[in-house]
mmCIF file of all heavy atoms, coordinates in Angstrom:
data_MODEL
# 
_entry.id   MODEL 
# 
loop_
_atom_site.group_PDB 
_atom_site.id 
_atom_site.type_symbol 
_atom_site.label_atom_id 
_atom_site.label_alt_id 
_atom_site.label_comp_id 
_atom_site.label_asym_id 
_atom_site.label_entity_id 
_atom_site.label_seq_id 
_atom_site.pdbx_PDB_ins_code 
_atom_site.Cartn_x 
_atom_site.Cartn_y 
_atom_site.Cartn_z 
_atom_site.occupancy 
_atom_site.B_iso_or_equiv 
_atom_site.pdbx_formal_charge 
_atom_site.auth_seq_id 
_atom_site.auth_comp_id 
_atom_site.auth_asym_id 
_atom_site.auth_atom_id 
_atom_site.pdbx_PDB_model_num 
ATOM 1   N N   . VAL A 1 1  ? -34.909 40.227 20.971 1.00 0.00 ? 1  VAL A N   1 
ATOM 2   C CA  . VAL A 1 1  ? -33.781 39.301 21.069 1.00 0.00 ? 1  VAL A CA  1 
ATOM 3   C C   . VAL A 1 1  ? -34.404 37.813 21.099 1.00 0.00 ? 1  VAL A C   1 
ATOM 4   O O   . VAL A 1 1  ? -33.722 36.983 20.441 1.00 0.00 ? 1  VAL A O   1 
ATOM 5   C CB  . VAL A 1 1  ? -33.056 39.521 22.522 1.00 0.00 ? 1  VAL A CB  1 
ATOM 6   C CG1 . VAL A 1 1  ? -32.066 38.462 22.801 1.00 0.00 ? 1  VAL A CG1 1 
ATOM 7   C CG2 . VAL A 1 1  ? -32.312 40.928 22.263 1.00 0.00 ? 1  VAL A CG2 1 
ATOM 8   N N   . GLN A 1 2  ? -35.423 37.615 21.674 1.00 0.00 ? 2  GLN A N   1 
ATOM 9   C CA  . GLN A 1 2  ? -36.069 36.228 21.582 1.00 0.00 ? 2  GLN A CA  1 
ATOM 10  C C   . GLN A 1 2  ? -36.353 35.828 20.206 1.00 0.00 ? 2  GLN A C   1 
ATOM 11  O O   . GLN A 1 2  ? -36.157 34.755 19.869 1.00 0.00 ? 2  GLN A O   1 
ATOM 12  C CB  . GLN A 1 2  ? -37.275 36.335 22.466 1.00 0.00 ? 2  GLN A CB  1 
ATOM 13  C CG  . GLN A 1 2  ? -37.148 36.204 23.934 1.00 0.00 ? 2  GLN A CG  1 
ATOM 14  C CD  . GLN A 1 2  ? -38.384 36.091 24.704 1.00 0.00 ? 2  GLN A CD  1 
ATOM 15  O OE1 . GLN A 1 2  ? -38.989 34.953 24.786 1.00 0.00 ? 2  GLN A OE1 1 
ATOM 16  N NE2 . GLN A 1 2  ? -38.883 37.175 25.361 1.00 0.00 ? 2  GLN A NE2 1 
ATOM 17  N N   . SER A 1 3  ? -36.888 36.792 19.412 1.00 0.00 ? 3  SER A N   1 
ATOM 18  C CA  . SER A 1 3  ? -37.232 36.414 17.999 1.00 0.00 ? 3  SER A CA  1 
ATOM 19  C C   . SER A 1 3  ? -35.998 36.186 17.160 1.00 0.00 ? 3  SER A C   1 
ATOM 20  O O   . SER A 1 3  ? -36.031 35.282 16.298 1.00 0.00 ? 3  SER A O   1 
ATOM 21  C CB  . SER A 1 3  ? -38.040 37.431 17.268 1.00 0.00 ? 3  SER A CB  1 
ATOM 22  O OG  . SER A 1 3  ? -37.966 38.775 17.753 1.00 0.00 ? 3  SER A OG  1 
ATOM 23  N N   . VAL A 1 4  ? -34.872 36.778 17.498 1.00 0.00 ? 4  VAL A N   1 
ATOM 24  C CA  . VAL A 1 4  ? -33.644 36.465 16.716 1.00 0.00 ? 4  VAL A CA  1 
ATOM 25  C C   . VAL A 1 4  ? -33.172 34.899 17.187 1.00 0.00 ? 4  VAL A C   1 
ATOM 26  O O   . VAL A 1 4  ? -32.594 34.271 16.358 1.00 0.00 ? 4  VAL A O   1 
ATOM 27  C CB  . VAL A 1 4  ? -32.550 37.529 17.044 1.00 0.00 ? 4  VAL A CB  1 
ATOM 28  C CG1 . VAL A 1 4  ? -31.101 37.137 16.598 1.00 0.00 ? 4  VAL A CG1 1 
ATOM 29  C CG2 . VAL A 1 4  ? -32.870 38.896 16.438 1.00 0.00 ? 4  VAL A CG2 1 
ATOM 30  N N   . LEU A 1 5  ? -33.312 34.653 18.374 1.00 0.00 ? 5  LEU A N   1 
ATOM 31  C CA  . LEU A 1 5  ? -32.864 33.338 18.933 1.00 0.00 ? 5  LEU A CA  1 
ATOM 32  C C   . LEU A 1 5  ? -33.857 32.191 18.583 1.00 0.00 ? 5  LEU A C   1 
ATOM 33  O O   . LEU A 1 5  ? -33.501 30.986 18.673 1.00 0.00 ? 5  LEU A O   1 
ATOM 34  C CB  . LEU A 1 5  ? -32.571 33.359 20.392 1.00 0.00 ? 5  LEU A CB  1 
ATOM 35  C CG  . LEU A 1 5  ? -31.486 34.319 20.799 1.00 0.00 ? 5  LEU A CG  1 
ATOM 36  C CD1 . LEU A 1 5  ? -31.481 34.506 22.243 1.00 0.00 ? 5  LEU A CD1 1 
ATOM 37  C CD2 . LEU A 1 5  ? -30.153 33.972 20.267 1.00 0.00 ? 5  LEU A CD2 1 
ATOM 38  N N   . LYS A 1 6  ? -35.094 32.557 18.345 1.00 0.00 ? 6  LYS A N   1 
ATOM 39  C CA  . LYS A 1 6  ? -36.232 31.554 18.248 1.00 0.00 ? 6  LYS A CA  1 
ATOM 40  C C   . LYS A 1 6  ? -35.980 30.382 17.173 1.00 0.00 ? 6  LYS A C   1 
ATOM 41  O O   . LYS A 1 6  ? -36.351 29.177 17.618 1.00 0.00 ? 6  LYS A O   1 
ATOM 42  C CB  . LYS A 1 6  ? -37.551 32.272 17.840 1.00 0.00 ? 6  LYS A CB  1 
ATOM 43  C CG  . LYS A 1 6  ? -38.733 31.386 17.805 1.00 0.00 ? 6  LYS A CG  1 
ATOM 44  C CD  . LYS A 1 6  ? -39.593 31.541 18.919 1.00 0.00 ? 6  LYS A CD  1 
ATOM 45  C CE  . LYS A 1 6  ? -40.839 30.785 18.716 1.00 0.00 ? 6  LYS A CE  1 
ATOM 46  N NZ  . LYS A 1 6  ? -40.999 29.713 19.719 1.00 0.00 ? 6  LYS A NZ  1 
ATOM 47  N N   . PRO A 1 7  ? -35.333 30.750 16.041 1.00 0.00 ? 7  PRO A N   1 
ATOM 48  C CA  . PRO A 1 7  ? -35.207 29.473 15.180 1.00 0.00 ? 7  PRO A CA  1 
ATOM 49  C C   . PRO A 1 7  ? -34.376 28.357 15.759 1.00 0.00 ? 7  PRO A C   1 
ATOM 50  O O   . PRO A 1 7  ? -34.543 27.244 15.184 1.00 0.00 ? 7  PRO A O   1 
ATOM 51  C CB  . PRO A 1 7  ? -34.474 30.162 13.972 1.00 0.00 ? 7  PRO A CB  1 
ATOM 52  C CG  . PRO A 1 7  ? -34.869 31.634 13.987 1.00 0.00 ? 7  PRO A CG  1 
ATOM 53  C CD  . PRO A 1 7  ? -34.946 31.897 15.512 1.00 0.00 ? 7  PRO A CD  1 
ATOM 54  N N   . ASP A 1 8  ? -33.596 28.709 16.754 1.00 0.00 ? 8  ASP A N   1 
ATOM 55  C CA  . ASP A 1 8  ? -32.855 27.651 17.352 1.00 0.00 ? 8  ASP A CA  1 
ATOM 56  C C   . ASP A 1 8  ? -33.187 27.356 18.805 1.00 0.00 ? 8  ASP A C   1 
ATOM 57  O O   . ASP A 1 8  ? -32.384 26.765 19.583 1.00 0.00 ? 8  ASP A O   1 
ATOM 58  C CB  . ASP A 1 8  ? -31.239 28.001 17.317 1.00 0.00 ? 8  ASP A CB  1 
ATOM 59  C CG  . ASP A 1 8  ? -30.752 27.851 15.882 1.00 0.00 ? 8  ASP A CG  1 
ATOM 60  O OD1 . ASP A 1 8  ? -30.520 26.694 15.398 1.00 0.00 ? 8  ASP A OD1 1 
ATOM 61  O OD2 . ASP A 1 8  ? -30.514 28.977 15.256 1.00 0.00 ? 8  ASP A OD2 1 
ATOM 62  N N   . GLU A 1 9  ? -34.412 27.676 19.122 1.00 0.00 ? 9  GLU A N   1 
ATOM 63  C CA  . GLU A 1 9  ? -34.893 27.449 20.494 1.00 0.00 ? 9  GLU A CA  1 
ATOM 64  C C   . GLU A 1 9  ? -34.693 25.994 21.027 1.00 0.00 ? 9  GLU A C   1 
ATOM 65  O O   . GLU A 1 9  ? -34.248 25.847 22.161 1.00 0.00 ? 9  GLU A O   1 
ATOM 66  C CB  . GLU A 1 9  ? -36.388 27.797 20.571 1.00 0.00 ? 9  GLU A CB  1 
ATOM 67  C CG  . GLU A 1 9  ? -36.983 27.715 21.930 1.00 0.00 ? 9  GLU A CG  1 
ATOM 68  C CD  . GLU A 1 9  ? -38.374 28.255 22.074 1.00 0.00 ? 9  GLU A CD  1 
ATOM 69  O OE1 . GLU A 1 9  ? -39.085 28.288 20.961 1.00 0.00 ? 9  GLU A OE1 1 
ATOM 70  O OE2 . GLU A 1 9  ? -38.896 28.430 23.211 1.00 0.00 ? 9  GLU A OE2 1 
ATOM 71  N N   . ASP A 1 10 ? -34.843 24.995 20.101 1.00 0.00 ? 10 ASP A N   1 
ATOM 72  C CA  . ASP A 1 10 ? -34.704 23.594 20.552 1.00 0.00 ? 10 ASP A CA  1 
ATOM 73  C C   . ASP A 1 10 ? -33.220 23.251 20.868 1.00 0.00 ? 10 ASP A C   1 
ATOM 74  O O   . ASP A 1 10 ? -33.002 22.236 21.547 1.00 0.00 ? 10 ASP A O   1 
ATOM 75  C CB  . ASP A 1 10 ? -35.287 22.684 19.644 1.00 0.00 ? 10 ASP A CB  1 
ATOM 76  C CG  . ASP A 1 10 ? -34.709 22.818 18.200 1.00 0.00 ? 10 ASP A CG  1 
ATOM 77  O OD1 . ASP A 1 10 ? -34.286 23.947 17.823 1.00 0.00 ? 10 ASP A OD1 1 
ATOM 78  O OD2 . ASP A 1 10 ? -34.720 21.829 17.500 1.00 0.00 ? 10 ASP A OD2 1 
ATOM 79  N N   . ARG A 1 11 ? -32.281 23.992 20.339 1.00 0.00 ? 11 ARG A N   1 
ATOM 80  C CA  . ARG A 1 11 ? -30.770 23.827 20.633 1.00 0.00 ? 11 ARG A CA  1 
ATOM 81  C C   . ARG A 1 11 ? -30.403 24.450 21.962 1.00 0.00 ? 11 ARG A C   1 
ATOM 82  O O   . ARG A 1 11 ? -29.225 24.162 22.331 1.00 0.00 ? 11 ARG A O   1 
ATOM 83  C CB  . ARG A 1 11 ? -30.111 24.230 19.565 1.00 0.00 ? 11 ARG A CB  1 
ATOM 84  C CG  . ARG A 1 11 ? -30.240 23.549 18.234 1.00 0.00 ? 11 ARG A CG  1 
ATOM 85  C CD  . ARG A 1 11 ? -29.512 24.082 17.103 1.00 0.00 ? 11 ARG A CD  1 
ATOM 86  N NE  . ARG A 1 11 ? -27.994 24.136 17.395 1.00 0.00 ? 11 ARG A NE  1 
ATOM 87  C CZ  . ARG A 1 11 ? -27.197 24.951 16.851 1.00 0.00 ? 11 ARG A CZ  1 
ATOM 88  N NH1 . ARG A 1 11 ? -27.465 25.803 15.862 1.00 0.00 ? 11 ARG A NH1 1 
ATOM 89  N NH2 . ARG A 1 11 ? -25.852 24.978 17.146 1.00 0.00 ? 11 ARG A NH2 1 
ATOM 90  N N   . LEU A 1 12 ? -31.194 25.301 22.487 1.00 0.00 ? 12 LEU A N   1 
ATOM 91  C CA  . LEU A 1 12 ? -30.721 26.197 23.665 1.00 0.00 ? 12 LEU A CA  1 
ATOM 92  C C   . LEU A 1 12 ? -30.902 25.352 24.950 1.00 0.00 ? 12 LEU A C   1 
ATOM 93  O O   . LEU A 1 12 ? -31.948 24.756 25.041 1.00 0.00 ? 12 LEU A O   1 
ATOM 94  C CB  . LEU A 1 12 ? -31.427 27.475 23.692 1.00 0.00 ? 12 LEU A CB  1 
ATOM 95  C CG  . LEU A 1 12 ? -31.200 28.346 22.463 1.00 0.00 ? 12 LEU A CG  1 
ATOM 96  C CD1 . LEU A 1 12 ? -32.081 29.607 22.558 1.00 0.00 ? 12 LEU A CD1 1 
ATOM 97  C CD2 . LEU A 1 12 ? -29.825 28.655 22.204 1.00 0.00 ? 12 LEU A CD2 1 
ATOM 98  N N   . ARG A 1 13 ? -29.919 25.388 25.833 1.00 0.00 ? 13 ARG A N   1 
ATOM 99  C CA  . ARG A 1 13 ? -30.013 24.749 27.199 1.00 0.00 ? 13 ARG A CA  1 
ATOM 100 C C   . ARG A 1 13 ? -31.009 25.470 28.032 1.00 0.00 ? 13 ARG A C   1 
ATOM 101 O O   . ARG A 1 13 ? -31.585 24.878 28.890 1.00 0.00 ? 13 ARG A O   1 
ATOM 102 C CB  . ARG A 1 13 ? -28.724 24.762 27.902 1.00 0.00 ? 13 ARG A CB  1 
ATOM 103 C CG  . ARG A 1 13 ? -28.052 23.419 27.884 1.00 0.00 ? 13 ARG A CG  1 
ATOM 104 C CD  . ARG A 1 13 ? -26.787 23.493 28.643 1.00 0.00 ? 13 ARG A CD  1 
ATOM 105 N NE  . ARG A 1 13 ? -26.719 24.578 29.640 1.00 0.00 ? 13 ARG A NE  1 
ATOM 106 C CZ  . ARG A 1 13 ? -25.569 25.172 30.005 1.00 0.00 ? 13 ARG A CZ  1 
ATOM 107 N NH1 . ARG A 1 13 ? -24.486 24.757 29.607 1.00 0.00 ? 13 ARG A NH1 1 
ATOM 108 N NH2 . ARG A 1 13 ? -25.646 26.137 30.857 1.00 0.00 ? 13 ARG A NH2 1 
ATOM 109 N N   . LEU A 1 14 ? -31.143 26.689 27.816 1.00 0.00 ? 14 LEU A N   1 
ATOM 110 C CA  . LEU A 1 14 ? -32.070 27.587 28.780 1.00 0.00 ? 14 LEU A CA  1 
ATOM 111 C C   . LEU A 1 14 ? -33.324 27.933 27.978 1.00 0.00 ? 14 LEU A C   1 
ATOM 112 O O   . LEU A 1 14 ? -33.324 28.007 26.707 1.00 0.00 ? 14 LEU A O   1 
ATOM 113 C CB  . LEU A 1 14 ? -31.310 28.929 29.062 1.00 0.00 ? 14 LEU A CB  1 
ATOM 114 C CG  . LEU A 1 14 ? -30.054 28.851 29.912 1.00 0.00 ? 14 LEU A CG  1 
ATOM 115 C CD1 . LEU A 1 14 ? -29.407 30.227 30.061 1.00 0.00 ? 14 LEU A CD1 1 
ATOM 116 C CD2 . LEU A 1 14 ? -30.330 28.335 31.269 1.00 0.00 ? 14 LEU A CD2 1 
ATOM 117 N N   . PRO A 1 15 ? -34.407 28.218 28.684 1.00 0.00 ? 15 PRO A N   1 
ATOM 118 C CA  . PRO A 1 15 ? -35.561 28.681 27.975 1.00 0.00 ? 15 PRO A CA  1 
ATOM 119 C C   . PRO A 1 15 ? -35.282 30.063 27.256 1.00 0.00 ? 15 PRO A C   1 
ATOM 120 O O   . PRO A 1 15 ? -34.448 30.796 27.579 1.00 0.00 ? 15 PRO A O   1 
ATOM 121 C CB  . PRO A 1 15 ? -36.542 28.994 29.147 1.00 0.00 ? 15 PRO A CB  1 
ATOM 122 C CG  . PRO A 1 15 ? -36.034 28.171 30.137 1.00 0.00 ? 15 PRO A CG  1 
ATOM 123 C CD  . PRO A 1 15 ? -34.584 28.028 30.131 1.00 0.00 ? 15 PRO A CD  1 
ATOM 124 N N   . LEU A 1 16 ? -35.941 30.253 26.211 1.00 0.00 ? 16 LEU A N   1 
ATOM 125 C CA  . LEU A 1 16 ? -35.712 31.362 25.332 1.00 0.00 ? 16 LEU A CA  1 
ATOM 126 C C   . LEU A 1 16 ? -35.708 32.681 26.018 1.00 0.00 ? 16 LEU A C   1 
ATOM 127 O O   . LEU A 1 16 ? -34.835 33.495 25.906 1.00 0.00 ? 16 LEU A O   1 
ATOM 128 C CB  . LEU A 1 16 ? -36.881 31.349 24.109 1.00 0.00 ? 16 LEU A CB  1 
ATOM 129 C CG  . LEU A 1 16 ? -36.616 32.279 23.029 1.00 0.00 ? 16 LEU A CG  1 
ATOM 130 C CD1 . LEU A 1 16 ? -35.258 31.975 22.356 1.00 0.00 ? 16 LEU A CD1 1 
ATOM 131 C CD2 . LEU A 1 16 ? -37.672 32.066 22.010 1.00 0.00 ? 16 LEU A CD2 1 
ATOM 132 N N   . ALA A 1 17 ? -36.666 32.942 26.879 1.00 0.00 ? 17 ALA A N   1 
ATOM 133 C CA  . ALA A 1 17 ? -36.753 34.162 27.654 1.00 0.00 ? 17 ALA A CA  1 
ATOM 134 C C   . ALA A 1 17 ? -35.548 34.334 28.587 1.00 0.00 ? 17 ALA A C   1 
ATOM 135 O O   . ALA A 1 17 ? -35.007 35.491 28.663 1.00 0.00 ? 17 ALA A O   1 
ATOM 136 C CB  . ALA A 1 17 ? -37.987 34.264 28.506 1.00 0.00 ? 17 ALA A CB  1 
ATOM 137 N N   . ASP A 1 18 ? -35.113 33.284 29.208 1.00 0.00 ? 18 ASP A N   1 
ATOM 138 C CA  . ASP A 1 18 ? -33.853 33.309 30.003 1.00 0.00 ? 18 ASP A CA  1 
ATOM 139 C C   . ASP A 1 18 ? -32.574 33.620 29.176 1.00 0.00 ? 18 ASP A C   1 
ATOM 140 O O   . ASP A 1 18 ? -31.797 34.282 29.645 1.00 0.00 ? 18 ASP A O   1 
ATOM 141 C CB  . ASP A 1 18 ? -33.688 32.062 30.841 1.00 0.00 ? 18 ASP A CB  1 
ATOM 142 C CG  . ASP A 1 18 ? -34.767 31.741 31.764 1.00 0.00 ? 18 ASP A CG  1 
ATOM 143 O OD1 . ASP A 1 18 ? -35.601 32.635 32.058 1.00 0.00 ? 18 ASP A OD1 1 
ATOM 144 O OD2 . ASP A 1 18 ? -34.755 30.677 32.448 1.00 0.00 ? 18 ASP A OD2 1 
ATOM 145 N N   . MET A 1 19 ? -32.534 33.019 28.107 1.00 0.00 ? 19 MET A N   1 
ATOM 146 C CA  . MET A 1 19 ? -31.379 33.233 27.149 1.00 0.00 ? 19 MET A CA  1 
ATOM 147 C C   . MET A 1 19 ? -31.382 34.735 26.748 1.00 0.00 ? 19 MET A C   1 
ATOM 148 O O   . MET A 1 19 ? -30.302 35.316 26.682 1.00 0.00 ? 19 MET A O   1 
ATOM 149 C CB  . MET A 1 19 ? -31.560 32.269 25.895 1.00 0.00 ? 19 MET A CB  1 
ATOM 150 C CG  . MET A 1 19 ? -30.345 32.259 25.056 1.00 0.00 ? 19 MET A CG  1 
ATOM 151 S SD  . MET A 1 19 ? -29.058 31.364 25.960 1.00 0.00 ? 19 MET A SD  1 
ATOM 152 C CE  . MET A 1 19 ? -27.690 31.666 24.737 1.00 0.00 ? 19 MET A CE  1 
ATOM 153 N N   . ALA A 1 20 ? -32.486 35.231 26.372 1.00 0.00 ? 20 ALA A N   1 
ATOM 154 C CA  . ALA A 1 20 ? -32.549 36.710 25.983 1.00 0.00 ? 20 ALA A CA  1 
ATOM 155 C C   . ALA A 1 20 ? -32.120 37.617 27.224 1.00 0.00 ? 20 ALA A C   1 
ATOM 156 O O   . ALA A 1 20 ? -31.329 38.579 26.940 1.00 0.00 ? 20 ALA A O   1 
ATOM 157 C CB  . ALA A 1 20 ? -33.945 37.045 25.475 1.00 0.00 ? 20 ALA A CB  1 
ATOM 158 N N   . THR A 1 21 ? -32.579 37.343 28.331 1.00 0.00 ? 21 THR A N   1 
ATOM 159 C CA  . THR A 1 21 ? -32.258 37.991 29.600 1.00 0.00 ? 21 THR A CA  1 
ATOM 160 C C   . THR A 1 21 ? -30.659 37.992 29.726 1.00 0.00 ? 21 THR A C   1 
ATOM 161 O O   . THR A 1 21 ? -30.015 38.967 29.945 1.00 0.00 ? 21 THR A O   1 
ATOM 162 C CB  . THR A 1 21 ? -32.960 37.538 30.749 1.00 0.00 ? 21 THR A CB  1 
ATOM 163 O OG1 . THR A 1 21 ? -34.327 37.664 30.614 1.00 0.00 ? 21 THR A OG1 1 
ATOM 164 C CG2 . THR A 1 21 ? -32.497 38.237 31.936 1.00 0.00 ? 21 THR A CG2 1 
ATOM 165 N N   . LEU A 1 22 ? -30.119 36.792 29.611 1.00 0.00 ? 22 LEU A N   1 
ATOM 166 C CA  . LEU A 1 22 ? -28.649 36.578 29.790 1.00 0.00 ? 22 LEU A CA  1 
ATOM 167 C C   . LEU A 1 22 ? -27.898 37.454 28.726 1.00 0.00 ? 22 LEU A C   1 
ATOM 168 O O   . LEU A 1 22 ? -26.960 38.092 29.070 1.00 0.00 ? 22 LEU A O   1 
ATOM 169 C CB  . LEU A 1 22 ? -28.352 35.132 29.597 1.00 0.00 ? 22 LEU A CB  1 
ATOM 170 C CG  . LEU A 1 22 ? -26.845 34.709 29.598 1.00 0.00 ? 22 LEU A CG  1 
ATOM 171 C CD1 . LEU A 1 22 ? -26.326 34.873 31.061 1.00 0.00 ? 22 LEU A CD1 1 
ATOM 172 C CD2 . LEU A 1 22 ? -26.637 33.411 29.087 1.00 0.00 ? 22 LEU A CD2 1 
ATOM 173 N N   . VAL A 1 23 ? -28.288 37.339 27.562 1.00 0.00 ? 23 VAL A N   1 
ATOM 174 C CA  . VAL A 1 23 ? -27.571 38.105 26.417 1.00 0.00 ? 23 VAL A CA  1 
ATOM 175 C C   . VAL A 1 23 ? -27.655 39.588 26.731 1.00 0.00 ? 23 VAL A C   1 
ATOM 176 O O   . VAL A 1 23 ? -26.617 40.347 26.622 1.00 0.00 ? 23 VAL A O   1 
ATOM 177 C CB  . VAL A 1 23 ? -28.170 37.694 25.046 1.00 0.00 ? 23 VAL A CB  1 
ATOM 178 C CG1 . VAL A 1 23 ? -27.650 38.676 24.019 1.00 0.00 ? 23 VAL A CG1 1 
ATOM 179 C CG2 . VAL A 1 23 ? -27.829 36.325 24.665 1.00 0.00 ? 23 VAL A CG2 1 
ATOM 180 N N   . LEU A 1 24 ? -28.852 40.049 27.005 1.00 0.00 ? 24 LEU A N   1 
ATOM 181 C CA  . LEU A 1 24 ? -29.023 41.475 27.238 1.00 0.00 ? 24 LEU A CA  1 
ATOM 182 C C   . LEU A 1 24 ? -28.250 41.968 28.575 1.00 0.00 ? 24 LEU A C   1 
ATOM 183 O O   . LEU A 1 24 ? -27.591 43.139 28.525 1.00 0.00 ? 24 LEU A O   1 
ATOM 184 C CB  . LEU A 1 24 ? -30.481 41.866 27.456 1.00 0.00 ? 24 LEU A CB  1 
ATOM 185 C CG  . LEU A 1 24 ? -31.126 41.846 26.139 1.00 0.00 ? 24 LEU A CG  1 
ATOM 186 C CD1 . LEU A 1 24 ? -32.695 41.999 26.383 1.00 0.00 ? 24 LEU A CD1 1 
ATOM 187 C CD2 . LEU A 1 24 ? -30.802 42.847 25.204 1.00 0.00 ? 24 LEU A CD2 1 
ATOM 188 N N   . THR A 1 25 ? -28.250 41.216 29.568 1.00 0.00 ? 25 THR A N   1 
ATOM 189 C CA  . THR A 1 25 ? -27.466 41.559 30.857 1.00 0.00 ? 25 THR A CA  1 
ATOM 190 C C   . THR A 1 25 ? -26.092 41.732 30.511 1.00 0.00 ? 25 THR A C   1 
ATOM 191 O O   . THR A 1 25 ? -25.464 42.681 30.967 1.00 0.00 ? 25 THR A O   1 
ATOM 192 C CB  . THR A 1 25 ? -27.706 40.511 31.869 1.00 0.00 ? 25 THR A CB  1 
ATOM 193 O OG1 . THR A 1 25 ? -29.081 40.441 32.088 1.00 0.00 ? 25 THR A OG1 1 
ATOM 194 C CG2 . THR A 1 25 ? -26.985 40.776 33.088 1.00 0.00 ? 25 THR A CG2 1 
ATOM 195 N N   . ILE A 1 26 ? -25.452 40.805 29.878 1.00 0.00 ? 26 ILE A N   1 
ATOM 196 C CA  . ILE A 1 26 ? -23.899 40.840 29.530 1.00 0.00 ? 26 ILE A CA  1 
ATOM 197 C C   . ILE A 1 26 ? -23.693 42.054 28.517 1.00 0.00 ? 26 ILE A C   1 
ATOM 198 O O   . ILE A 1 26 ? -22.840 42.800 28.751 1.00 0.00 ? 26 ILE A O   1 
ATOM 199 C CB  . ILE A 1 26 ? -23.501 39.590 28.915 1.00 0.00 ? 26 ILE A CB  1 
ATOM 200 C CG1 . ILE A 1 26 ? -23.638 38.311 29.966 1.00 0.00 ? 26 ILE A CG1 1 
ATOM 201 C CG2 . ILE A 1 26 ? -22.052 39.531 28.376 1.00 0.00 ? 26 ILE A CG2 1 
ATOM 202 C CD1 . ILE A 1 26 ? -23.458 36.967 29.451 1.00 0.00 ? 26 ILE A CD1 1 
# 
């Protein structure tokens, strides 16, 4: 999941690892 989001890492409000956790949790 992190690798799918990585190209836009600089646009995310949360760190990449946290974003991946959020997506997977939901």
